N, C-alpha and C. Protein backbone atom coordinates (compact mmCIF):
# COMPACT_ATOMS: atom_id res chain seq x y z
N MET A 1 0.85 -1.17 0.00
CA MET A 1 0.00 0.00 0.00
C MET A 1 0.90 1.23 0.00
N GLY A 2 0.69 2.09 -0.99
CA GLY A 2 1.51 3.28 -1.12
C GLY A 2 0.98 4.45 -0.30
N LEU A 3 1.73 5.52 -0.31
CA LEU A 3 1.36 6.72 0.43
C LEU A 3 0.03 7.29 -0.04
N GLY A 4 -0.23 7.25 -1.31
CA GLY A 4 -1.48 7.77 -1.86
C GLY A 4 -2.70 7.09 -1.27
N SER A 5 -2.62 5.80 -1.05
CA SER A 5 -3.77 5.09 -0.47
C SER A 5 -3.99 5.49 0.98
N TYR A 6 -2.91 5.77 1.71
CA TYR A 6 -3.05 6.26 3.08
C TYR A 6 -3.70 7.65 3.11
N VAL A 7 -3.30 8.49 2.17
CA VAL A 7 -3.87 9.84 2.08
C VAL A 7 -5.36 9.74 1.78
N ARG A 8 -5.74 8.88 0.85
CA ARG A 8 -7.16 8.71 0.52
C ARG A 8 -7.96 8.21 1.72
N LYS A 9 -7.39 7.28 2.47
CA LYS A 9 -8.08 6.76 3.66
C LYS A 9 -8.22 7.85 4.72
N PHE A 10 -7.19 8.65 4.89
CA PHE A 10 -7.22 9.74 5.87
C PHE A 10 -8.28 10.76 5.50
N LYS A 11 -8.35 11.14 4.22
CA LYS A 11 -9.36 12.09 3.76
C LYS A 11 -10.76 11.52 3.97
N ALA A 12 -10.95 10.26 3.65
CA ALA A 12 -12.26 9.62 3.83
C ALA A 12 -12.67 9.63 5.30
N ALA A 13 -11.72 9.38 6.18
CA ALA A 13 -12.02 9.38 7.62
C ALA A 13 -12.41 10.78 8.10
N LEU A 14 -11.76 11.80 7.57
CA LEU A 14 -12.05 13.17 7.98
C LEU A 14 -13.40 13.66 7.47
N ARG A 15 -13.91 13.05 6.41
CA ARG A 15 -15.20 13.48 5.86
C ARG A 15 -16.35 13.12 6.79
N GLY A 16 -16.15 12.18 7.68
CA GLY A 16 -17.21 11.78 8.60
C GLY A 16 -17.39 12.79 9.72
N GLY A 17 -18.36 12.52 10.58
CA GLY A 17 -18.66 13.42 11.68
C GLY A 17 -17.49 13.62 12.63
N LYS A 18 -16.74 12.58 12.89
CA LYS A 18 -15.58 12.70 13.78
C LYS A 18 -14.51 13.59 13.18
N GLY A 19 -14.35 13.53 11.88
CA GLY A 19 -13.36 14.38 11.21
C GLY A 19 -13.73 15.85 11.31
N ARG A 20 -15.00 16.13 11.10
CA ARG A 20 -15.47 17.52 11.23
C ARG A 20 -15.28 18.01 12.66
N GLN A 21 -15.59 17.13 13.60
CA GLN A 21 -15.42 17.48 15.01
C GLN A 21 -13.95 17.77 15.31
N LEU A 22 -13.05 16.97 14.78
CA LEU A 22 -11.62 17.18 14.98
C LEU A 22 -11.17 18.53 14.40
N LEU A 23 -11.63 18.84 13.19
CA LEU A 23 -11.27 20.12 12.57
C LEU A 23 -11.87 21.29 13.34
N ASP A 24 -13.10 21.12 13.84
CA ASP A 24 -13.73 22.18 14.64
C ASP A 24 -12.93 22.44 15.91
N GLN A 25 -12.50 21.37 16.56
CA GLN A 25 -11.73 21.52 17.80
C GLN A 25 -10.37 22.16 17.54
N ALA A 26 -9.74 21.78 16.45
CA ALA A 26 -8.45 22.38 16.10
C ALA A 26 -8.61 23.87 15.81
N GLU A 27 -9.67 24.22 15.10
CA GLU A 27 -9.93 25.62 14.78
C GLU A 27 -10.18 26.42 16.06
N SER A 28 -10.99 25.88 16.94
CA SER A 28 -11.29 26.57 18.21
C SER A 28 -10.04 26.74 19.06
N ALA A 29 -9.22 25.70 19.11
CA ALA A 29 -7.99 25.78 19.89
C ALA A 29 -7.05 26.85 19.32
N ALA A 30 -6.96 26.92 18.00
CA ALA A 30 -6.10 27.92 17.37
C ALA A 30 -6.61 29.33 17.66
N ARG A 31 -7.92 29.51 17.61
CA ARG A 31 -8.50 30.83 17.91
C ARG A 31 -8.22 31.23 19.36
N ARG A 32 -8.39 30.29 20.28
CA ARG A 32 -8.12 30.59 21.69
C ARG A 32 -6.64 30.89 21.91
N ALA A 33 -5.78 30.12 21.28
CA ALA A 33 -4.34 30.27 21.48
C ALA A 33 -3.83 31.61 20.95
N THR A 34 -4.46 32.12 19.90
CA THR A 34 -3.99 33.38 19.33
C THR A 34 -4.76 34.58 19.85
N GLY A 35 -5.77 34.33 20.66
CA GLY A 35 -6.53 35.43 21.23
C GLY A 35 -7.26 36.27 20.20
N GLY A 36 -7.60 35.66 19.07
CA GLY A 36 -8.35 36.38 18.04
C GLY A 36 -7.49 37.22 17.11
N ARG A 37 -6.20 37.23 17.33
CA ARG A 37 -5.31 38.07 16.50
C ARG A 37 -5.17 37.54 15.07
N HIS A 38 -5.39 36.25 14.88
CA HIS A 38 -5.17 35.65 13.55
C HIS A 38 -6.41 34.92 13.04
N ASP A 39 -7.58 35.41 13.41
CA ASP A 39 -8.81 34.73 13.03
C ASP A 39 -8.97 34.58 11.52
N GLU A 40 -8.60 35.59 10.75
CA GLU A 40 -8.76 35.50 9.30
C GLU A 40 -7.85 34.41 8.72
N LYS A 41 -6.63 34.31 9.21
CA LYS A 41 -5.71 33.27 8.73
C LYS A 41 -6.21 31.89 9.13
N ILE A 42 -6.76 31.78 10.34
CA ILE A 42 -7.30 30.50 10.80
C ILE A 42 -8.49 30.10 9.94
N LYS A 43 -9.35 31.07 9.62
CA LYS A 43 -10.50 30.79 8.76
C LYS A 43 -10.05 30.31 7.39
N LYS A 44 -9.03 30.96 6.83
CA LYS A 44 -8.51 30.54 5.52
C LYS A 44 -7.94 29.13 5.59
N ALA A 45 -7.23 28.82 6.66
CA ALA A 45 -6.66 27.48 6.82
C ALA A 45 -7.76 26.43 6.95
N ARG A 46 -8.81 26.76 7.70
CA ARG A 46 -9.93 25.82 7.86
C ARG A 46 -10.64 25.62 6.53
N ASP A 47 -10.86 26.69 5.80
CA ASP A 47 -11.51 26.57 4.49
C ASP A 47 -10.67 25.72 3.55
N ALA A 48 -9.36 25.89 3.59
CA ALA A 48 -8.47 25.08 2.75
C ALA A 48 -8.54 23.61 3.15
N ALA A 49 -8.58 23.35 4.44
CA ALA A 49 -8.69 21.96 4.92
C ALA A 49 -10.02 21.36 4.47
N ASP A 50 -11.10 22.13 4.57
CA ASP A 50 -12.41 21.64 4.13
C ASP A 50 -12.40 21.31 2.64
N ARG A 51 -11.80 22.18 1.84
CA ARG A 51 -11.73 21.93 0.39
C ARG A 51 -10.85 20.70 0.10
N ALA A 52 -9.76 20.56 0.83
CA ALA A 52 -8.84 19.46 0.58
C ALA A 52 -9.46 18.10 0.85
N ILE A 53 -10.32 18.03 1.85
CA ILE A 53 -10.93 16.73 2.16
C ILE A 53 -12.30 16.57 1.53
N GLY A 54 -12.78 17.64 0.86
CA GLY A 54 -14.01 17.52 0.10
C GLY A 54 -15.28 17.84 0.86
N LEU A 55 -15.21 18.64 1.92
CA LEU A 55 -16.43 19.06 2.60
C LEU A 55 -17.14 20.09 1.75
N ASP A 56 -18.46 20.03 1.70
CA ASP A 56 -19.25 20.93 0.87
C ASP A 56 -19.47 22.25 1.59
N ASP A 57 -18.89 23.34 1.09
CA ASP A 57 -19.04 24.65 1.71
C ASP A 57 -20.47 25.18 1.59
N ASP A 58 -21.23 24.70 0.62
CA ASP A 58 -22.58 25.21 0.40
C ASP A 58 -23.61 24.58 1.33
N ASP A 59 -23.25 23.51 2.02
CA ASP A 59 -24.19 22.84 2.91
C ASP A 59 -24.03 23.38 4.32
N PRO A 60 -25.00 24.17 4.83
CA PRO A 60 -24.86 24.74 6.17
C PRO A 60 -24.82 23.70 7.26
N ASN A 61 -25.26 22.49 6.99
CA ASN A 61 -25.22 21.42 8.00
C ASN A 61 -23.81 20.87 8.19
N ASP A 62 -22.88 21.22 7.30
CA ASP A 62 -21.50 20.78 7.41
C ASP A 62 -20.70 21.68 8.35
N ARG A 63 -21.28 22.82 8.75
CA ARG A 63 -20.55 23.79 9.56
C ARG A 63 -21.12 23.85 10.97
N PRO A 64 -20.27 24.11 11.96
CA PRO A 64 -20.78 24.32 13.30
C PRO A 64 -21.60 25.61 13.34
N ALA A 65 -22.37 25.77 14.39
CA ALA A 65 -23.32 26.89 14.48
C ALA A 65 -22.64 28.24 14.30
N GLY A 66 -21.45 28.45 14.82
CA GLY A 66 -20.77 29.73 14.72
C GLY A 66 -20.24 30.05 13.35
N ARG A 67 -20.23 29.09 12.43
CA ARG A 67 -19.62 29.31 11.11
C ARG A 67 -20.65 29.23 10.00
N ARG A 68 -21.93 29.23 10.31
CA ARG A 68 -22.97 29.14 9.27
C ARG A 68 -23.22 30.43 8.61
């Protein structure tokens, strides 16, 4: 099994509810750690992560309440 298959499995795992929860927690932790000074950069990073794993930005059910 090559690296590409591991990447595909990782992306598939992140597409589930637990993956979204993990990304939400990472985003919240980054916001708390920076005290709001880098919120725009954190938002861009989260959006890039969502696009990379294939989360649908147009579906409001894919986002936590604060990001709808």
